[in-house]
């Protein structure tokens, strides 16, 4: 099968979410915030090093096309564009947000 399964794309948006929360959270200056940042830096980033696909020029341009004429979620568009450019399948329960993005989709919970 030419299409690879995309699981790691969600990791990129998750990394963004964790980093953002780390920077803006009330816990940033607390002991809990320090522990969270240490875990993020030492475990999460090293665990996924080399396995997170970059948003390059092709992905960015395709992502922009997904916003015209219907503006979509930036995260969903980045995931879809990365999958499209790399010939991958998006694996998600949230099929509805990706249905009109011209990418292969797989809901592993369907018919369970």
PDB file of N, CA and C in Angstrom:
ATOM      1  N   UNK A   1       0.850  -1.181   0.000  1.00  0.00           N
ATOM      2  CA  UNK A   1       0.000   0.000   0.000  1.00  0.00           C
ATOM      3  C   UNK A   1       0.892   1.239   0.000  1.00  0.00           C
ATOM      4  N   UNK A   2       0.674   2.119  -0.964  1.00  0.00           N
ATOM      5  CA  UNK A   2       1.493   3.314  -1.118  1.00  0.00           C
ATOM      6  C   UNK A   2       1.293   4.287   0.036  1.00  0.00           C
ATOM      7  N   UNK A   3       0.117   4.338   0.543  1.00  0.00           N
ATOM      8  CA  UNK A   3      -0.207   5.293   1.593  1.00  0.00           C
ATOM      9  C   UNK A   3       0.286   4.811   2.954  1.00  0.00           C
ATOM     10  N   UNK A   4       1.040   5.658   3.612  1.00  0.00           N
ATOM     11  CA  UNK A   4       1.503   5.334   4.964  1.00  0.00           C
ATOM     12  C   UNK A   4       0.465   5.837   5.950  1.00  0.00           C
ATOM     13  N   UNK A   5       0.449   5.269   7.117  1.00  0.00           N
ATOM     14  CA  UNK A   5      -0.501   5.717   8.132  1.00  0.00           C
ATOM     15  C   UNK A   5       0.146   6.822   8.952  1.00  0.00           C
ATOM     16  N   UNK A   6      -0.578   7.914   9.083  1.00  0.00           N
ATOM     17  CA  UNK A   6      -0.058   9.065   9.809  1.00  0.00           C
ATOM     18  C   UNK A   6      -0.560   9.036  11.242  1.00  0.00           C
ATOM     19  N   UNK A   7       0.322   8.728  12.132  1.00  0.00           N
ATOM     20  CA  UNK A   7       0.019   8.847  13.548  1.00  0.00           C
ATOM     21  C   UNK A   7       0.861   9.970  14.140  1.00  0.00           C
ATOM     22  N   UNK A   8       2.027  10.154  13.595  1.00  0.00           N
ATOM     23  CA  UNK A   8       2.987  11.097  14.152  1.00  0.00           C
ATOM     24  C   UNK A   8       2.586  12.548  13.901  1.00  0.00           C
ATOM     25  N   UNK A   9       1.709  12.801  12.931  1.00  0.00           N
ATOM     26  CA  UNK A   9       1.288  14.177  12.679  1.00  0.00           C
ATOM     27  C   UNK A   9       0.590  14.769  13.886  1.00  0.00           C
ATOM     28  N   UNK A  10      -0.197  13.960  14.543  1.00  0.00           N
ATOM     29  CA  UNK A  10      -0.872  14.450  15.738  1.00  0.00           C
ATOM     30  C   UNK A  10       0.137  14.792  16.815  1.00  0.00           C
ATOM     31  N   UNK A  11       1.270  14.105  16.808  1.00  0.00           N
ATOM     32  CA  UNK A  11       2.312  14.393  17.786  1.00  0.00           C
ATOM     33  C   UNK A  11       2.814  15.823  17.619  1.00  0.00           C
ATOM     34  N   UNK A  12       2.979  16.290  16.380  1.00  0.00           N
ATOM     35  CA  UNK A  12       3.462  17.658  16.158  1.00  0.00           C
ATOM     36  C   UNK A  12       2.505  18.686  16.749  1.00  0.00           C
ATOM     37  N   UNK A  13       1.215  18.510  16.514  1.00  0.00           N
ATOM     38  CA  UNK A  13       0.262  19.461  17.077  1.00  0.00           C
ATOM     39  C   UNK A  13       0.167  19.297  18.587  1.00  0.00           C
ATOM     40  N   UNK A  14       0.378  18.089  19.081  1.00  0.00           N
ATOM     41  CA  UNK A  14       0.398  17.868  20.528  1.00  0.00           C
ATOM     42  C   UNK A  14       1.626  18.520  21.161  1.00  0.00           C
ATOM     43  N   UNK A  15       2.771  18.425  20.484  1.00  0.00           N
ATOM     44  CA  UNK A  15       3.974  19.088  20.986  1.00  0.00           C
ATOM     45  C   UNK A  15       3.739  20.585  21.100  1.00  0.00           C
ATOM     46  N   UNK A  16       3.085  21.143  20.096  1.00  0.00           N
ATOM     47  CA  UNK A  16       2.755  22.569  20.125  1.00  0.00           C
ATOM     48  C   UNK A  16       1.869  22.885  21.318  1.00  0.00           C
ATOM     49  N   UNK A  17       0.853  22.070  21.524  1.00  0.00           N
ATOM     50  CA  UNK A  17      -0.091  22.308  22.614  1.00  0.00           C
ATOM     51  C   UNK A  17       0.610  22.258  23.966  1.00  0.00           C
ATOM     52  N   UNK A  18       1.448  21.245  24.185  1.00  0.00           N
ATOM     53  CA  UNK A  18       2.150  21.121  25.463  1.00  0.00           C
ATOM     54  C   UNK A  18       3.096  22.299  25.667  1.00  0.00           C
ATOM     55  N   UNK A  19       3.825  22.655  24.625  1.00  0.00           N
ATOM     56  CA  UNK A  19       4.757  23.784  24.734  1.00  0.00           C
ATOM     57  C   UNK A  19       4.006  25.077  25.039  1.00  0.00           C
ATOM     58  N   UNK A  20       2.903  25.297  24.359  1.00  0.00           N
ATOM     59  CA  UNK A  20       2.105  26.504  24.596  1.00  0.00           C
ATOM     60  C   UNK A  20       1.600  26.544  26.034  1.00  0.00           C
ATOM     61  N   UNK A  21       1.085  25.434  26.513  1.00  0.00           N
ATOM     62  CA  UNK A  21       0.579  25.383  27.888  1.00  0.00           C
ATOM     63  C   UNK A  21       1.706  25.600  28.887  1.00  0.00           C
ATOM     64  N   UNK A  22       2.872  25.072  28.559  1.00  0.00           N
ATOM     65  CA  UNK A  22       4.037  25.264  29.410  1.00  0.00           C
ATOM     66  C   UNK A  22       4.416  26.734  29.532  1.00  0.00           C
ATOM     67  N   UNK A  23       4.252  27.464  28.458  1.00  0.00           N
ATOM     68  CA  UNK A  23       4.671  28.871  28.438  1.00  0.00           C
ATOM     69  C   UNK A  23       3.625  29.808  29.034  1.00  0.00           C
ATOM     70  N   UNK A  24       2.361  29.435  28.977  1.00  0.00           N
ATOM     71  CA  UNK A  24       1.310  30.356  29.403  1.00  0.00           C
ATOM     72  C   UNK A  24       0.598  29.938  30.684  1.00  0.00           C
ATOM     73  N   UNK A  25       0.860  28.756  31.138  1.00  0.00           N
ATOM     74  CA  UNK A  25       0.147  28.226  32.288  1.00  0.00           C
ATOM     75  C   UNK A  25       0.518  28.950  33.576  1.00  0.00           C
ATOM     76  N   UNK A  26      -0.413  28.961  34.492  1.00  0.00           N
ATOM     77  CA  UNK A  26      -0.152  29.501  35.826  1.00  0.00           C
ATOM     78  C   UNK A  26       0.932  28.684  36.518  1.00  0.00           C
ATOM     79  N   UNK A  27       1.107  27.448  36.050  1.00  0.00           N
ATOM     80  CA  UNK A  27       2.095  26.573  36.684  1.00  0.00           C
ATOM     81  C   UNK A  27       3.510  26.841  36.186  1.00  0.00           C
ATOM     82  N   UNK A  28       3.675  27.781  35.247  1.00  0.00           N
ATOM     83  CA  UNK A  28       4.987  28.012  34.640  1.00  0.00           C
ATOM     84  C   UNK A  28       6.061  28.262  35.694  1.00  0.00           C
ATOM     85  N   UNK A  29       5.738  29.032  36.708  1.00  0.00           N
ATOM     86  CA  UNK A  29       6.729  29.355  37.735  1.00  0.00           C
ATOM     87  C   UNK A  29       6.669  28.411  38.935  1.00  0.00           C
ATOM     88  N   UNK A  30       5.734  27.504  38.941  1.00  0.00           N
ATOM     89  CA  UNK A  30       5.580  26.592  40.081  1.00  0.00           C
ATOM     90  C   UNK A  30       6.491  25.370  39.934  1.00  0.00           C
ATOM     91  N   UNK A  31       6.565  24.593  40.979  1.00  0.00           N
ATOM     92  CA  UNK A  31       7.317  23.335  40.967  1.00  0.00           C
ATOM     93  C   UNK A  31       6.724  22.378  39.933  1.00  0.00           C
ATOM     94  N   UNK A  32       5.404  22.331  39.867  1.00  0.00           N
ATOM     95  CA  UNK A  32       4.722  21.468  38.902  1.00  0.00           C
ATOM     96  C   UNK A  32       5.109  21.861  37.468  1.00  0.00           C
ATOM     97  N   UNK A  33       5.165  23.171  37.192  1.00  0.00           N
ATOM     98  CA  UNK A  33       5.562  23.641  35.867  1.00  0.00           C
ATOM     99  C   UNK A  33       6.976  23.233  35.518  1.00  0.00           C
ATOM    100  N   UNK A  34       7.870  23.303  36.503  1.00  0.00           N
ATOM    101  CA  UNK A  34       9.258  22.901  36.277  1.00  0.00           C
ATOM    102  C   UNK A  34       9.334  21.418  35.942  1.00  0.00           C
ATOM    103  N   UNK A  35       8.578  20.595  36.658  1.00  0.00           N
ATOM    104  CA  UNK A  35       8.556  19.152  36.402  1.00  0.00           C
ATOM    105  C   UNK A  35       7.997  18.873  35.006  1.00  0.00           C
ATOM    106  N   UNK A  36       6.932  19.569  34.633  1.00  0.00           N
ATOM    107  CA  UNK A  36       6.330  19.385  33.312  1.00  0.00           C
ATOM    108  C   UNK A  36       7.311  19.779  32.206  1.00  0.00           C
ATOM    109  N   UNK A  37       7.997  20.897  32.361  1.00  0.00           N
ATOM    110  CA  UNK A  37       8.969  21.322  31.351  1.00  0.00           C
ATOM    111  C   UNK A  37      10.130  20.336  31.246  1.00  0.00           C
ATOM    112  N   UNK A  38      10.588  19.838  32.382  1.00  0.00           N
ATOM    113  CA  UNK A  38      11.680  18.869  32.379  1.00  0.00           C
ATOM    114  C   UNK A  38      11.259  17.583  31.661  1.00  0.00           C
ATOM    115  N   UNK A  39      10.055  17.097  31.959  1.00  0.00           N
ATOM    116  CA  UNK A  39       9.527  15.906  31.286  1.00  0.00           C
ATOM    117  C   UNK A  39       9.429  16.148  29.781  1.00  0.00           C
ATOM    118  N   UNK A  40       8.923  17.309  29.402  1.00  0.00           N
ATOM    119  CA  UNK A  40       8.756  17.654  27.991  1.00  0.00           C
ATOM    120  C   UNK A  40      10.108  17.677  27.273  1.00  0.00           C
ATOM    121  N   UNK A  41      11.081  18.352  27.874  1.00  0.00           N
ATOM    122  CA  UNK A  41      12.400  18.488  27.248  1.00  0.00           C
ATOM    123  C   UNK A  41      13.167  17.168  27.210  1.00  0.00           C
ATOM    124  N   UNK A  42      13.163  16.445  28.325  1.00  0.00           N
ATOM    125  CA  UNK A  42      14.002  15.260  28.420  1.00  0.00           C
ATOM    126  C   UNK A  42      13.369  13.991  27.862  1.00  0.00           C
ATOM    127  N   UNK A  43      12.062  13.881  27.931  1.00  0.00           N
ATOM    128  CA  UNK A  43      11.416  12.653  27.464  1.00  0.00           C
ATOM    129  C   UNK A  43      10.703  12.844  26.129  1.00  0.00           C
ATOM    130  N   UNK A  44       9.757  13.752  26.093  1.00  0.00           N
ATOM    131  CA  UNK A  44       8.905  13.885  24.909  1.00  0.00           C
ATOM    132  C   UNK A  44       9.720  14.283  23.682  1.00  0.00           C
ATOM    133  N   UNK A  45      10.491  15.363  23.763  1.00  0.00           N
ATOM    134  CA  UNK A  45      11.236  15.816  22.595  1.00  0.00           C
ATOM    135  C   UNK A  45      12.260  14.788  22.136  1.00  0.00           C
ATOM    136  N   UNK A  46      12.943  14.152  23.069  1.00  0.00           N
ATOM    137  CA  UNK A  46      13.933  13.151  22.661  1.00  0.00           C
ATOM    138  C   UNK A  46      13.268  11.889  22.112  1.00  0.00           C
ATOM    139  N   UNK A  47      12.120  11.510  22.672  1.00  0.00           N
ATOM    140  CA  UNK A  47      11.411  10.315  22.208  1.00  0.00           C
ATOM    141  C   UNK A  47      10.948  10.454  20.749  1.00  0.00           C
ATOM    142  N   UNK A  48      10.545  11.654  20.370  1.00  0.00           N
ATOM    143  CA  UNK A  48      10.016  11.862  19.020  1.00  0.00           C
ATOM    144  C   UNK A  48      11.004  12.532  18.079  1.00  0.00           C
ATOM    145  N   UNK A  49      12.236  12.691  18.490  1.00  0.00           N
ATOM    146  CA  UNK A  49      13.249  13.306  17.640  1.00  0.00           C
ATOM    147  C   UNK A  49      13.394  12.519  16.338  1.00  0.00           C
ATOM    148  N   UNK A  50      13.341  13.220  15.239  1.00  0.00           N
ATOM    149  CA  UNK A  50      13.473  12.586  13.936  1.00  0.00           C
ATOM    150  C   UNK A  50      12.219  11.907  13.425  1.00  0.00           C
ATOM    151  N   UNK A  51      11.120  11.956  14.200  1.00  0.00           N
ATOM    152  CA  UNK A  51       9.886  11.292  13.780  1.00  0.00           C
ATOM    153  C   UNK A  51       8.729  12.262  13.596  1.00  0.00           C
ATOM    154  N   UNK A  52       8.988  13.539  13.689  1.00  0.00           N
ATOM    155  CA  UNK A  52       7.944  14.536  13.485  1.00  0.00           C
ATOM    156  C   UNK A  52       8.190  15.185  12.130  1.00  0.00           C
ATOM    157  N   UNK A  53       7.189  15.138  11.279  1.00  0.00           N
ATOM    158  CA  UNK A  53       7.329  15.691   9.937  1.00  0.00           C
ATOM    159  C   UNK A  53       7.276  17.218   9.976  1.00  0.00           C
ATOM    160  N   UNK A  54       8.139  17.832   9.202  1.00  0.00           N
ATOM    161  CA  UNK A  54       8.222  19.292   9.174  1.00  0.00           C
ATOM    162  C   UNK A  54       7.110  19.900   8.325  1.00  0.00           C
ATOM    163  N   UNK A  55       6.751  21.108   8.666  1.00  0.00           N
ATOM    164  CA  UNK A  55       5.867  21.906   7.817  1.00  0.00           C
ATOM    165  C   UNK A  55       6.787  22.701   6.913  1.00  0.00           C
ATOM    166  N   UNK A  56       6.953  22.200   5.694  1.00  0.00           N
ATOM    167  CA  UNK A  56       7.826  22.868   4.740  1.00  0.00           C
ATOM    168  C   UNK A  56       7.006  23.729   3.780  1.00  0.00           C
ATOM    169  N   UNK A  57       7.638  24.246   2.761  1.00  0.00           N
ATOM    170  CA  UNK A  57       6.967  25.135   1.811  1.00  0.00           C
ATOM    171  C   UNK A  57       5.787  24.455   1.118  1.00  0.00           C
ATOM    172  N   UNK A  58       5.971  23.212   0.689  1.00  0.00           N
ATOM    173  CA  UNK A  58       4.882  22.493   0.012  1.00  0.00           C
ATOM    174  C   UNK A  58       3.687  22.300   0.938  1.00  0.00           C
ATOM    175  N   UNK A  59       3.955  21.901   2.169  1.00  0.00           N
ATOM    176  CA  UNK A  59       2.880  21.693   3.143  1.00  0.00           C
ATOM    177  C   UNK A  59       2.173  23.010   3.429  1.00  0.00           C
ATOM    178  N   UNK A  60       2.936  24.073   3.636  1.00  0.00           N
ATOM    179  CA  UNK A  60       2.340  25.378   3.941  1.00  0.00           C
ATOM    180  C   UNK A  60       1.452  25.861   2.798  1.00  0.00           C
ATOM    181  N   UNK A  61       1.904  25.691   1.570  1.00  0.00           N
ATOM    182  CA  UNK A  61       1.106  26.137   0.415  1.00  0.00           C
ATOM    183  C   UNK A  61      -0.159  25.295   0.256  1.00  0.00           C
ATOM    184  N   UNK A  62      -0.036  23.983   0.460  1.00  0.00           N
ATOM    185  CA  UNK A  62      -1.228  23.139   0.365  1.00  0.00           C
ATOM    186  C   UNK A  62      -2.202  23.457   1.502  1.00  0.00           C
ATOM    187  N   UNK A  63      -1.675  23.717   2.673  1.00  0.00           N
ATOM    188  CA  UNK A  63      -2.508  24.095   3.823  1.00  0.00           C
ATOM    189  C   UNK A  63      -3.305  25.356   3.496  1.00  0.00           C
ATOM    190  N   UNK A  64      -2.658  26.326   2.875  1.00  0.00           N
ATOM    191  CA  UNK A  64      -3.345  27.570   2.500  1.00  0.00           C
ATOM    192  C   UNK A  64      -4.481  27.283   1.517  1.00  0.00           C
ATOM    193  N   UNK A  65      -4.247  26.354   0.578  1.00  0.00           N
ATOM    194  CA  UNK A  65      -5.303  25.999  -0.388  1.00  0.00           C
ATOM    195  C   UNK A  65      -6.522  25.392   0.297  1.00  0.00           C
ATOM    196  N   UNK A  66      -6.302  24.709   1.398  1.00  0.00           N
ATOM    197  CA  UNK A  66      -7.415  24.094   2.120  1.00  0.00           C
ATOM    198  C   UNK A  66      -8.313  25.136   2.797  1.00  0.00           C
ATOM    199  N   UNK A  67      -7.828  26.336   2.930  1.00  0.00           N
ATOM    200  CA  UNK A  67      -8.597  27.406   3.580  1.00  0.00           C
ATOM    201  C   UNK A  67      -9.464  28.195   2.595  1.00  0.00           C
ATOM    202  N   UNK A  68      -9.333  27.925   1.298  1.00  0.00           N
ATOM    203  CA  UNK A  68     -10.092  28.670   0.290  1.00  0.00           C
ATOM    204  C   UNK A  68     -10.961  27.686  -0.468  1.00  0.00           C
ATOM    205  N   UNK A  69     -12.237  27.884  -0.590  1.00  0.00           N
ATOM    206  CA  UNK A  69     -13.003  29.036  -0.109  1.00  0.00           C
ATOM    207  C   UNK A  69     -13.496  28.884   1.334  1.00  0.00           C
ATOM    208  N   UNK A  70     -13.351  27.697   1.938  1.00  0.00           N
ATOM    209  CA  UNK A  70     -13.869  27.483   3.289  1.00  0.00           C
ATOM    210  C   UNK A  70     -12.731  27.467   4.298  1.00  0.00           C
ATOM    211  N   UNK A  71     -12.731  28.439   5.178  1.00  0.00           N
ATOM    212  CA  UNK A  71     -11.706  28.482   6.221  1.00  0.00           C
ATOM    213  C   UNK A  71     -11.889  27.289   7.157  1.00  0.00           C
ATOM    214  N   UNK A  72     -10.799  26.600   7.455  1.00  0.00           N
ATOM    215  CA  UNK A  72     -10.835  25.409   8.307  1.00  0.00           C
ATOM    216  C   UNK A  72      -9.893  25.612   9.492  1.00  0.00           C
ATOM    217  N   UNK A  73      -9.939  24.696  10.423  1.00  0.00           N
ATOM    218  CA  UNK A  73      -9.022  24.709  11.562  1.00  0.00           C
ATOM    219  C   UNK A  73      -7.584  24.639  11.058  1.00  0.00           C
ATOM    220  N   UNK A  74      -6.709  25.487  11.582  1.00  0.00           N
ATOM    221  CA  UNK A  74      -5.309  25.475  11.161  1.00  0.00           C
ATOM    222  C   UNK A  74      -4.657  24.136  11.480  1.00  0.00           C
ATOM    223  N   UNK A  75      -4.887  23.608  12.677  1.00  0.00           N
ATOM    224  CA  UNK A  75      -4.286  22.315  13.028  1.00  0.00           C
ATOM    225  C   UNK A  75      -4.750  21.210  12.095  1.00  0.00           C
ATOM    226  N   UNK A  76      -6.059  21.148  11.832  1.00  0.00           N
ATOM    227  CA  UNK A  76      -6.580  20.120  10.922  1.00  0.00           C
ATOM    228  C   UNK A  76      -6.002  20.298   9.520  1.00  0.00           C
ATOM    229  N   UNK A  77      -5.904  21.541   9.078  1.00  0.00           N
ATOM    230  CA  UNK A  77      -5.362  21.809   7.743  1.00  0.00           C
ATOM    231  C   UNK A  77      -3.895  21.427   7.649  1.00  0.00           C
ATOM    232  N   UNK A  78      -3.124  21.697   8.687  1.00  0.00           N
ATOM    233  CA  UNK A  78      -1.709  21.312   8.683  1.00  0.00           C
ATOM    234  C   UNK A  78      -1.555  19.795   8.658  1.00  0.00           C
ATOM    235  N   UNK A  79      -2.374  19.109   9.418  1.00  0.00           N
ATOM    236  CA  UNK A  79      -2.338  17.647   9.422  1.00  0.00           C
ATOM    237  C   UNK A  79      -2.703  17.114   8.038  1.00  0.00           C
ATOM    238  N   UNK A  80      -3.780  17.619   7.464  1.00  0.00           N
ATOM    239  CA  UNK A  80      -4.233  17.159   6.143  1.00  0.00           C
ATOM    240  C   UNK A  80      -3.206  17.468   5.058  1.00  0.00           C
ATOM    241  N   UNK A  81      -2.653  18.667   5.084  1.00  0.00           N
ATOM    242  CA  UNK A  81      -1.666  19.064   4.074  1.00  0.00           C
ATOM    243  C   UNK A  81      -0.402  18.202   4.183  1.00  0.00           C
ATOM    244  N   UNK A  82       0.047  17.941   5.385  1.00  0.00           N
ATOM    245  CA  UNK A  82       1.235  17.108   5.575  1.00  0.00           C
ATOM    246  C   UNK A  82       0.971  15.689   5.075  1.00  0.00           C
ATOM    247  N   UNK A  83      -0.205  15.165   5.372  1.00  0.00           N
ATOM    248  CA  UNK A  83      -0.565  13.834   4.878  1.00  0.00           C
ATOM    249  C   UNK A  83      -0.624  13.823   3.356  1.00  0.00           C
ATOM    250  N   UNK A  84      -1.250  14.824   2.769  1.00  0.00           N
ATOM    251  CA  UNK A  84      -1.399  14.896   1.309  1.00  0.00           C
ATOM    252  C   UNK A  84      -0.033  14.942   0.620  1.00  0.00           C
ATOM    253  N   UNK A  85       0.833  15.829   1.068  1.00  0.00           N
ATOM    254  CA  UNK A  85       2.148  16.006   0.446  1.00  0.00           C
ATOM    255  C   UNK A  85       3.010  14.754   0.597  1.00  0.00           C
ATOM    256  N   UNK A  86       2.871  14.052   1.704  1.00  0.00           N
ATOM    257  CA  UNK A  86       3.695  12.871   1.966  1.00  0.00           C
ATOM    258  C   UNK A  86       3.022  11.554   1.589  1.00  0.00           C
ATOM    259  N   UNK A  87       1.835  11.622   0.967  1.00  0.00           N
ATOM    260  CA  UNK A  87       1.141  10.410   0.530  1.00  0.00           C
ATOM    261  C   UNK A  87       0.727   9.518   1.682  1.00  0.00           C
ATOM    262  N   UNK A  88       0.201  10.116   2.738  1.00  0.00           N
ATOM    263  CA  UNK A  88      -0.139   9.375   3.949  1.00  0.00           C
ATOM    264  C   UNK A  88      -1.638   9.358   4.205  1.00  0.00           C
ATOM    265  N   UNK A  89      -2.021   8.520   5.135  1.00  0.00           N
ATOM    266  CA  UNK A  89      -3.405   8.396   5.578  1.00  0.00           C
ATOM    267  C   UNK A  89      -3.529   9.015   6.958  1.00  0.00           C
ATOM    268  N   UNK A  90      -4.555   9.811   7.171  1.00  0.00           N
ATOM    269  CA  UNK A  90      -4.802  10.379   8.494  1.00  0.00           C
ATOM    270  C   UNK A  90      -5.669   9.401   9.283  1.00  0.00           C
ATOM    271  N   UNK A  91      -5.195   9.023  10.452  1.00  0.00           N
ATOM    272  CA  UNK A  91      -5.920   8.119  11.333  1.00  0.00           C
ATOM    273  C   UNK A  91      -6.514   8.963  12.453  1.00  0.00           C
ATOM    274  N   UNK A  92      -7.850   8.996  12.516  1.00  0.00           N
ATOM    275  CA  UNK A  92      -8.522   9.852  13.495  1.00  0.00           C
ATOM    276  C   UNK A  92      -9.935   9.356  13.741  1.00  0.00           C
ATOM    277  N   UNK A  93     -10.439   9.663  14.909  1.00  0.00           N
ATOM    278  CA  UNK A  93     -11.869   9.440  15.172  1.00  0.00           C
ATOM    279  C   UNK A  93     -12.692  10.568  14.575  1.00  0.00           C
ATOM    280  N   UNK A  94     -12.046  11.690  14.385  1.00  0.00           N
ATOM    281  CA  UNK A  94     -12.716  12.908  13.955  1.00  0.00           C
ATOM    282  C   UNK A  94     -12.735  13.020  12.429  1.00  0.00           C
ATOM    283  N   UNK A  95     -13.350  12.062  11.790  1.00  0.00           N
ATOM    284  CA  UNK A  95     -13.403  12.014  10.328  1.00  0.00           C
ATOM    285  C   UNK A  95     -14.089  13.252   9.738  1.00  0.00           C
ATOM    286  N   UNK A  96     -15.106  13.755  10.406  1.00  0.00           N
ATOM    287  CA  UNK A  96     -15.910  14.866   9.872  1.00  0.00           C
ATOM    288  C   UNK A  96     -15.072  16.091   9.535  1.00  0.00           C
ATOM    289  N   UNK A  97     -14.059  16.395  10.326  1.00  0.00           N
ATOM    290  CA  UNK A  97     -13.255  17.594  10.070  1.00  0.00           C
ATOM    291  C   UNK A  97     -12.314  17.444   8.883  1.00  0.00           C
ATOM    292  N   UNK A  98     -12.149  16.233   8.373  1.00  0.00           N
ATOM    293  CA  UNK A  98     -11.211  15.997   7.277  1.00  0.00           C
ATOM    294  C   UNK A  98     -11.882  15.530   5.984  1.00  0.00           C
ATOM    295  N   UNK A  99     -13.197  15.372   5.980  1.00  0.00           N
ATOM    296  CA  UNK A  99     -13.862  14.710   4.850  1.00  0.00           C
ATOM    297  C   UNK A  99     -13.709  15.423   3.509  1.00  0.00           C
ATOM    298  N   UNK A 100     -13.596  16.712   3.470  1.00  0.00           N
ATOM    299  CA  UNK A 100     -13.508  17.425   2.184  1.00  0.00           C
ATOM    300  C   UNK A 100     -12.092  17.919   1.906  1.00  0.00           C
ATOM    301  N   UNK A 101     -11.101  17.210   2.421  1.00  0.00           N
ATOM    302  CA  UNK A 101      -9.716  17.650   2.237  1.00  0.00           C
ATOM    303  C   UNK A 101      -8.922  16.764   1.274  1.00  0.00           C
ATOM    304  N   UNK A 102      -9.581  15.841   0.588  1.00  0.00           N
ATOM    305  CA  UNK A 102      -8.965  15.020  -0.449  1.00  0.00           C
ATOM    306  C   UNK A 102      -7.755  14.222   0.049  1.00  0.00           C
ATOM    307  N   UNK A 103      -7.926  13.569   1.206  1.00  0.00           N
ATOM    308  CA  UNK A 103      -6.871  12.723   1.758  1.00  0.00           C
ATOM    309  C   UNK A 103      -7.498  11.405   2.220  1.00  0.00           C
ATOM    310  N   UNK A 104      -6.722  10.326   2.201  1.00  0.00           N
ATOM    311  CA  UNK A 104      -7.236   9.063   2.735  1.00  0.00           C
ATOM    312  C   UNK A 104      -7.418   9.177   4.245  1.00  0.00           C
ATOM    313  N   UNK A 105      -8.543   8.646   4.733  1.00  0.00           N
ATOM    314  CA  UNK A 105      -8.870   8.702   6.159  1.00  0.00           C
ATOM    315  C   UNK A 105      -9.127   7.299   6.675  1.00  0.00           C
ATOM    316  N   UNK A 106      -8.787   7.093   7.942  1.00  0.00           N
ATOM    317  CA  UNK A 106      -9.058   5.825   8.595  1.00  0.00           C
ATOM    318  C   UNK A 106      -9.524   6.114  10.014  1.00  0.00           C
ATOM    319  N   UNK A 107     -10.709   5.624  10.352  1.00  0.00           N
ATOM    320  CA  UNK A 107     -11.205   5.715  11.714  1.00  0.00           C
ATOM    321  C   UNK A 107     -11.052   4.327  12.330  1.00  0.00           C
ATOM    322  N   UNK A 108     -10.040   4.151  13.196  1.00  0.00           N
ATOM    323  CA  UNK A 108      -9.813   2.819  13.755  1.00  0.00           C
ATOM    324  C   UNK A 108     -10.910   2.365  14.714  1.00  0.00           C
ATOM    325  N   UNK A 109     -11.802   3.272  15.112  1.00  0.00           N
ATOM    326  CA  UNK A 109     -12.888   2.921  16.021  1.00  0.00           C
ATOM    327  C   UNK A 109     -14.190   2.620  15.273  1.00  0.00           C
ATOM    328  N   UNK A 110     -14.186   2.780  13.988  1.00  0.00           N
ATOM    329  CA  UNK A 110     -15.406   2.507  13.200  1.00  0.00           C
ATOM    330  C   UNK A 110     -15.730   1.020  13.277  1.00  0.00           C
ATOM    331  N   UNK A 111     -17.011   0.734  13.399  1.00  0.00           N
ATOM    332  CA  UNK A 111     -17.497  -0.650  13.449  1.00  0.00           C
ATOM    333  C   UNK A 111     -16.925  -1.460  14.611  1.00  0.00           C
ATOM    334  N   UNK A 112     -16.617  -0.778  15.704  1.00  0.00           N
ATOM    335  CA  UNK A 112     -16.118  -1.496  16.889  1.00  0.00           C
ATOM    336  C   UNK A 112     -17.248  -1.730  17.840  1.00  0.00           C
TER     337      UNK A 112
END
